[in-house]
Amino acid sequence: YRLAVDQINIYCKDAFLSSEKRSEFASMNATAAKLAIALSFFEQARCYIDVGMELLEPNCWAEQYSLSLDLYEMSASVSCFNGDSNTMSRCLNEIIANVKSFEDSLTSSTLLAKLLAPSSK
């Protein structure tokens, strides 16, 4: 599956894509990122997440809420594993600004606690 997504990502760089294809390919990248995370391939997951986020529509939080939340949460998580607090903070701020329910904010709240914990010594 990840090999197919790698090939699609090469195609995406040079192609003009319809909104439907962008959403489909973003979703495929999210799935590939989940598989990479499950195998602890965090750098590869980062690539899939980044492409998936690039493929989101400008109004993604209104039109692609679940996919946007999924990609941004994975980005924050992978950033946490990789020690990239800047990207983690940026993603968490984006989630907090756009979350629709308390339940949807739980993962980001947990990650925010991990981000802030070292500064509260």
N, C-alpha and C. Protein backbone atom coordinates (compact mmCIF):
# COMPACT_ATOMS: atom_id res chain seq x y z
N TYR A 1 0.82 -1.19 0.00
CA TYR A 1 0.00 0.00 0.00
C TYR A 1 0.86 1.26 0.00
N ARG A 2 1.90 1.26 0.85
CA ARG A 2 2.76 2.45 0.94
C ARG A 2 3.51 2.70 -0.36
N LEU A 3 3.90 1.62 -1.06
CA LEU A 3 4.57 1.79 -2.35
C LEU A 3 3.65 2.47 -3.36
N ALA A 4 2.38 2.07 -3.36
CA ALA A 4 1.41 2.71 -4.26
C ALA A 4 1.24 4.18 -3.92
N VAL A 5 1.18 4.50 -2.64
CA VAL A 5 1.05 5.90 -2.22
C VAL A 5 2.30 6.68 -2.61
N ASP A 6 3.47 6.06 -2.48
CA ASP A 6 4.71 6.73 -2.91
C ASP A 6 4.63 7.11 -4.40
N GLN A 7 4.11 6.21 -5.22
CA GLN A 7 3.98 6.49 -6.65
C GLN A 7 2.96 7.60 -6.90
N ILE A 8 1.86 7.58 -6.18
CA ILE A 8 0.84 8.62 -6.31
C ILE A 8 1.42 9.97 -5.91
N ASN A 9 2.24 9.99 -4.87
CA ASN A 9 2.82 11.25 -4.41
C ASN A 9 3.76 11.85 -5.45
N ILE A 10 4.46 11.00 -6.18
CA ILE A 10 5.31 11.50 -7.27
C ILE A 10 4.43 12.14 -8.34
N TYR A 11 3.32 11.50 -8.65
CA TYR A 11 2.37 12.02 -9.64
C TYR A 11 1.76 13.34 -9.17
N CYS A 12 1.44 13.43 -7.90
CA CYS A 12 0.78 14.62 -7.35
C CYS A 12 1.61 15.89 -7.49
N LYS A 13 2.93 15.74 -7.45
CA LYS A 13 3.80 16.91 -7.50
C LYS A 13 3.70 17.67 -8.81
N ASP A 14 3.42 16.96 -9.90
CA ASP A 14 3.41 17.58 -11.22
C ASP A 14 2.03 17.68 -11.85
N ALA A 15 1.00 17.30 -11.13
CA ALA A 15 -0.33 17.24 -11.74
C ALA A 15 -1.27 18.27 -11.14
N PHE A 16 -2.19 18.72 -11.99
CA PHE A 16 -3.30 19.52 -11.51
C PHE A 16 -4.39 18.55 -11.12
N LEU A 17 -4.80 18.57 -9.87
CA LEU A 17 -5.75 17.59 -9.37
C LEU A 17 -7.08 18.23 -9.02
N SER A 18 -8.14 17.50 -9.30
CA SER A 18 -9.47 17.96 -8.90
C SER A 18 -9.57 17.91 -7.38
N SER A 19 -10.54 18.58 -6.86
CA SER A 19 -10.77 18.59 -5.41
C SER A 19 -11.02 17.18 -4.90
N GLU A 20 -11.76 16.38 -5.67
CA GLU A 20 -12.05 15.01 -5.26
C GLU A 20 -10.78 14.17 -5.20
N LYS A 21 -9.91 14.30 -6.21
CA LYS A 21 -8.67 13.54 -6.23
C LYS A 21 -7.74 13.98 -5.11
N ARG A 22 -7.68 15.30 -4.86
CA ARG A 22 -6.84 15.80 -3.76
C ARG A 22 -7.29 15.19 -2.44
N SER A 23 -8.59 15.14 -2.22
CA SER A 23 -9.13 14.57 -0.98
C SER A 23 -8.85 13.07 -0.91
N GLU A 24 -9.03 12.37 -2.02
CA GLU A 24 -8.76 10.93 -2.06
C GLU A 24 -7.29 10.63 -1.77
N PHE A 25 -6.39 11.39 -2.40
CA PHE A 25 -4.96 11.17 -2.19
C PHE A 25 -4.52 11.57 -0.80
N ALA A 26 -5.13 12.63 -0.24
CA ALA A 26 -4.82 13.02 1.14
C ALA A 26 -5.23 11.91 2.10
N SER A 27 -6.38 11.30 1.85
CA SER A 27 -6.84 10.19 2.68
C SER A 27 -5.92 8.98 2.56
N MET A 28 -5.45 8.70 1.37
CA MET A 28 -4.52 7.58 1.17
C MET A 28 -3.21 7.84 1.90
N ASN A 29 -2.74 9.08 1.90
CA ASN A 29 -1.52 9.42 2.63
C ASN A 29 -1.74 9.27 4.13
N ALA A 30 -2.93 9.61 4.62
CA ALA A 30 -3.23 9.43 6.04
C ALA A 30 -3.18 7.95 6.41
N THR A 31 -3.73 7.11 5.56
CA THR A 31 -3.69 5.67 5.81
C THR A 31 -2.26 5.14 5.79
N ALA A 32 -1.48 5.59 4.80
CA ALA A 32 -0.07 5.17 4.72
C ALA A 32 0.70 5.65 5.94
N ALA A 33 0.40 6.85 6.42
CA ALA A 33 1.07 7.38 7.62
C ALA A 33 0.74 6.51 8.84
N LYS A 34 -0.50 6.09 8.97
CA LYS A 34 -0.89 5.23 10.09
C LYS A 34 -0.13 3.91 10.04
N LEU A 35 0.01 3.35 8.84
CA LEU A 35 0.77 2.11 8.70
C LEU A 35 2.23 2.32 9.08
N ALA A 36 2.81 3.43 8.63
CA ALA A 36 4.21 3.72 8.95
C ALA A 36 4.40 3.94 10.45
N ILE A 37 3.45 4.62 11.08
CA ILE A 37 3.53 4.85 12.53
C ILE A 37 3.44 3.51 13.28
N ALA A 38 2.56 2.63 12.82
CA ALA A 38 2.42 1.33 13.46
C ALA A 38 3.72 0.52 13.39
N LEU A 39 4.52 0.78 12.36
CA LEU A 39 5.80 0.09 12.21
C LEU A 39 6.96 0.90 12.78
N SER A 40 6.66 2.02 13.44
CA SER A 40 7.65 2.93 14.03
C SER A 40 8.56 3.55 12.99
N PHE A 41 8.06 3.75 11.77
CA PHE A 41 8.79 4.45 10.71
C PHE A 41 8.34 5.91 10.72
N PHE A 42 8.79 6.66 11.73
CA PHE A 42 8.28 8.00 11.94
C PHE A 42 8.70 8.99 10.85
N GLU A 43 9.90 8.85 10.33
CA GLU A 43 10.33 9.76 9.25
C GLU A 43 9.50 9.54 7.99
N GLN A 44 9.21 8.28 7.68
CA GLN A 44 8.38 7.99 6.52
C GLN A 44 6.94 8.47 6.77
N ALA A 45 6.47 8.29 7.99
CA ALA A 45 5.13 8.80 8.34
C ALA A 45 5.07 10.30 8.16
N ARG A 46 6.15 11.00 8.55
CA ARG A 46 6.21 12.46 8.40
C ARG A 46 6.01 12.85 6.93
N CYS A 47 6.63 12.11 6.02
CA CYS A 47 6.49 12.41 4.58
C CYS A 47 5.05 12.25 4.13
N TYR A 48 4.41 11.16 4.53
CA TYR A 48 3.01 10.94 4.15
C TYR A 48 2.09 12.01 4.75
N ILE A 49 2.34 12.36 5.99
CA ILE A 49 1.53 13.37 6.65
C ILE A 49 1.69 14.72 5.95
N ASP A 50 2.93 15.09 5.64
CA ASP A 50 3.17 16.37 4.98
C ASP A 50 2.48 16.45 3.63
N VAL A 51 2.57 15.39 2.84
CA VAL A 51 1.90 15.39 1.53
C VAL A 51 0.39 15.44 1.73
N GLY A 52 -0.11 14.65 2.68
CA GLY A 52 -1.55 14.67 2.95
C GLY A 52 -2.03 16.05 3.34
N MET A 53 -1.28 16.74 4.17
CA MET A 53 -1.66 18.09 4.59
C MET A 53 -1.59 19.08 3.43
N GLU A 54 -0.60 18.91 2.55
CA GLU A 54 -0.49 19.78 1.37
C GLU A 54 -1.67 19.59 0.43
N LEU A 55 -2.24 18.40 0.42
CA LEU A 55 -3.36 18.10 -0.47
C LEU A 55 -4.71 18.55 0.08
N LEU A 56 -4.76 18.93 1.35
CA LEU A 56 -6.01 19.41 1.92
C LEU A 56 -6.43 20.71 1.25
N GLU A 57 -7.72 20.92 1.17
CA GLU A 57 -8.26 22.15 0.61
C GLU A 57 -8.00 23.33 1.55
N PRO A 58 -7.97 24.56 1.03
CA PRO A 58 -7.75 25.72 1.90
C PRO A 58 -8.77 25.82 3.04
N ASN A 59 -10.00 25.39 2.79
CA ASN A 59 -11.04 25.42 3.83
C ASN A 59 -11.23 24.02 4.42
N CYS A 60 -10.13 23.33 4.63
CA CYS A 60 -10.16 21.91 5.02
C CYS A 60 -10.93 21.66 6.31
N TRP A 61 -10.87 22.56 7.25
CA TRP A 61 -11.56 22.30 8.52
C TRP A 61 -13.07 22.35 8.37
N ALA A 62 -13.56 23.03 7.36
CA ALA A 62 -15.00 23.06 7.09
C ALA A 62 -15.42 21.91 6.18
N GLU A 63 -14.60 21.61 5.18
CA GLU A 63 -14.96 20.63 4.16
C GLU A 63 -14.43 19.22 4.44
N GLN A 64 -13.31 19.11 5.13
CA GLN A 64 -12.65 17.82 5.36
C GLN A 64 -12.26 17.69 6.83
N TYR A 65 -13.21 17.92 7.70
CA TYR A 65 -12.92 18.03 9.13
C TYR A 65 -12.22 16.78 9.68
N SER A 66 -12.79 15.62 9.48
CA SER A 66 -12.23 14.39 10.06
C SER A 66 -10.83 14.10 9.53
N LEU A 67 -10.65 14.27 8.23
CA LEU A 67 -9.34 14.04 7.62
C LEU A 67 -8.33 15.05 8.13
N SER A 68 -8.74 16.31 8.24
CA SER A 68 -7.85 17.36 8.75
C SER A 68 -7.44 17.07 10.18
N LEU A 69 -8.41 16.72 11.01
CA LEU A 69 -8.12 16.40 12.41
C LEU A 69 -7.16 15.22 12.50
N ASP A 70 -7.41 14.21 11.70
CA ASP A 70 -6.57 13.01 11.68
C ASP A 70 -5.13 13.35 11.29
N LEU A 71 -4.97 14.09 10.20
CA LEU A 71 -3.62 14.44 9.74
C LEU A 71 -2.89 15.35 10.73
N TYR A 72 -3.58 16.33 11.26
CA TYR A 72 -2.93 17.25 12.20
C TYR A 72 -2.58 16.55 13.52
N GLU A 73 -3.44 15.64 13.99
CA GLU A 73 -3.10 14.88 15.20
C GLU A 73 -1.89 13.97 14.96
N MET A 74 -1.87 13.32 13.79
CA MET A 74 -0.72 12.46 13.49
C MET A 74 0.55 13.30 13.37
N SER A 75 0.43 14.48 12.77
CA SER A 75 1.59 15.35 12.64
C SER A 75 2.12 15.75 14.00
N ALA A 76 1.23 16.11 14.90
CA ALA A 76 1.65 16.48 16.26
C ALA A 76 2.29 15.29 16.98
N SER A 77 1.71 14.11 16.83
CA SER A 77 2.25 12.91 17.47
C SER A 77 3.63 12.55 16.95
N VAL A 78 3.78 12.55 15.63
CA VAL A 78 5.07 12.22 15.04
C VAL A 78 6.11 13.28 15.42
N SER A 79 5.68 14.53 15.47
CA SER A 79 6.59 15.60 15.90
C SER A 79 7.03 15.38 17.34
N CYS A 80 6.13 14.89 18.17
CA CYS A 80 6.48 14.58 19.57
C CYS A 80 7.54 13.48 19.62
N PHE A 81 7.33 12.41 18.83
CA PHE A 81 8.31 11.31 18.79
C PHE A 81 9.65 11.78 18.27
N ASN A 82 9.65 12.70 17.32
CA ASN A 82 10.88 13.19 16.70
C ASN A 82 11.51 14.36 17.45
N GLY A 83 10.86 14.84 18.51
CA GLY A 83 11.40 15.95 19.29
C GLY A 83 11.28 17.30 18.60
N ASP A 84 10.35 17.42 17.66
CA ASP A 84 10.15 18.67 16.92
C ASP A 84 9.02 19.46 17.57
N SER A 85 9.38 20.21 18.61
CA SER A 85 8.36 20.93 19.38
C SER A 85 7.72 22.07 18.60
N ASN A 86 8.44 22.66 17.64
CA ASN A 86 7.86 23.76 16.86
C ASN A 86 6.70 23.27 15.99
N THR A 87 6.92 22.18 15.26
CA THR A 87 5.86 21.63 14.41
C THR A 87 4.72 21.11 15.28
N MET A 88 5.07 20.48 16.38
CA MET A 88 4.05 19.97 17.30
C MET A 88 3.17 21.11 17.81
N SER A 89 3.78 22.19 18.21
CA SER A 89 3.04 23.35 18.72
C SER A 89 2.16 23.95 17.63
N ARG A 90 2.68 24.09 16.43
CA ARG A 90 1.92 24.66 15.31
C ARG A 90 0.68 23.81 15.01
N CYS A 91 0.85 22.49 14.98
CA CYS A 91 -0.26 21.58 14.70
C CYS A 91 -1.30 21.62 15.81
N LEU A 92 -0.84 21.61 17.05
CA LEU A 92 -1.77 21.66 18.17
C LEU A 92 -2.57 22.96 18.19
N ASN A 93 -1.91 24.07 17.89
CA ASN A 93 -2.63 25.35 17.82
C ASN A 93 -3.69 25.32 16.73
N GLU A 94 -3.38 24.71 15.60
CA GLU A 94 -4.34 24.59 14.49
C GLU A 94 -5.53 23.73 14.91
N ILE A 95 -5.26 22.64 15.59
CA ILE A 95 -6.35 21.77 16.06
C ILE A 95 -7.23 22.51 17.06
N ILE A 96 -6.61 23.13 18.04
CA ILE A 96 -7.36 23.83 19.08
C ILE A 96 -8.23 24.94 18.48
N ALA A 97 -7.72 25.60 17.46
CA ALA A 97 -8.46 26.69 16.83
C ALA A 97 -9.66 26.18 16.02
N ASN A 98 -9.64 24.91 15.62
CA ASN A 98 -10.68 24.41 14.71
C ASN A 98 -11.50 23.24 15.24
N VAL A 99 -11.18 22.73 16.40
CA VAL A 99 -11.87 21.56 16.93
C VAL A 99 -13.35 21.88 17.17
N LYS A 100 -14.21 20.89 16.88
CA LYS A 100 -15.66 21.11 16.99
C LYS A 100 -16.26 20.58 18.29
N SER A 101 -15.58 19.67 18.97
CA SER A 101 -16.16 19.10 20.17
C SER A 101 -15.07 18.78 21.19
N PHE A 102 -15.50 18.61 22.42
CA PHE A 102 -14.56 18.27 23.49
C PHE A 102 -13.88 16.94 23.18
N GLU A 103 -14.64 15.97 22.73
CA GLU A 103 -14.09 14.65 22.42
C GLU A 103 -12.98 14.74 21.37
N ASP A 104 -13.19 15.60 20.39
CA ASP A 104 -12.19 15.77 19.33
C ASP A 104 -10.92 16.44 19.83
N SER A 105 -10.99 17.10 20.97
CA SER A 105 -9.83 17.81 21.49
C SER A 105 -8.98 16.97 22.45
N LEU A 106 -9.43 15.77 22.79
CA LEU A 106 -8.74 14.97 23.82
C LEU A 106 -7.31 14.60 23.42
N THR A 107 -7.11 14.12 22.20
CA THR A 107 -5.76 13.74 21.77
C THR A 107 -4.85 14.95 21.77
N SER A 108 -5.33 16.06 21.22
CA SER A 108 -4.48 17.25 21.17
C SER A 108 -4.21 17.80 22.57
N SER A 109 -5.16 17.68 23.47
CA SER A 109 -4.94 18.14 24.85
C SER A 109 -3.87 17.31 25.54
N THR A 110 -3.88 16.00 25.29
CA THR A 110 -2.86 15.12 25.86
C THR A 110 -1.48 15.47 25.31
N LEU A 111 -1.41 15.70 24.02
CA LEU A 111 -0.14 16.07 23.40
C LEU A 111 0.33 17.45 23.88
N LEU A 112 -0.61 18.36 24.08
CA LEU A 112 -0.25 19.69 24.59
C LEU A 112 0.34 19.59 25.99
N ALA A 113 -0.20 18.70 26.80
CA ALA A 113 0.35 18.48 28.14
C ALA A 113 1.79 17.96 28.05
N LYS A 114 2.03 17.06 27.10
CA LYS A 114 3.40 16.54 26.90
C LYS A 114 4.34 17.65 26.44
N LEU A 115 3.82 18.54 25.59
CA LEU A 115 4.64 19.65 25.10
C LEU A 115 5.00 20.63 26.22
N LEU A 116 4.04 20.90 27.09
CA LEU A 116 4.23 21.90 28.14
C LEU A 116 4.90 21.35 29.38
N ALA A 117 4.87 20.05 29.58
CA ALA A 117 5.42 19.44 30.81
C ALA A 117 6.87 19.81 31.09
N PRO A 118 7.77 19.78 30.12
CA PRO A 118 9.16 20.13 30.43
C PRO A 118 9.36 21.58 30.89
N SER A 119 8.47 22.48 30.48
CA SER A 119 8.64 23.88 30.86
C SER A 119 8.06 24.20 32.24
N SER A 120 7.44 23.22 32.88
CA SER A 120 6.83 23.48 34.20
C SER A 120 7.64 22.87 35.34
N LYS A 121 8.94 22.81 35.19
CA LYS A 121 9.80 22.21 36.22
C LYS A 121 9.82 23.00 37.48
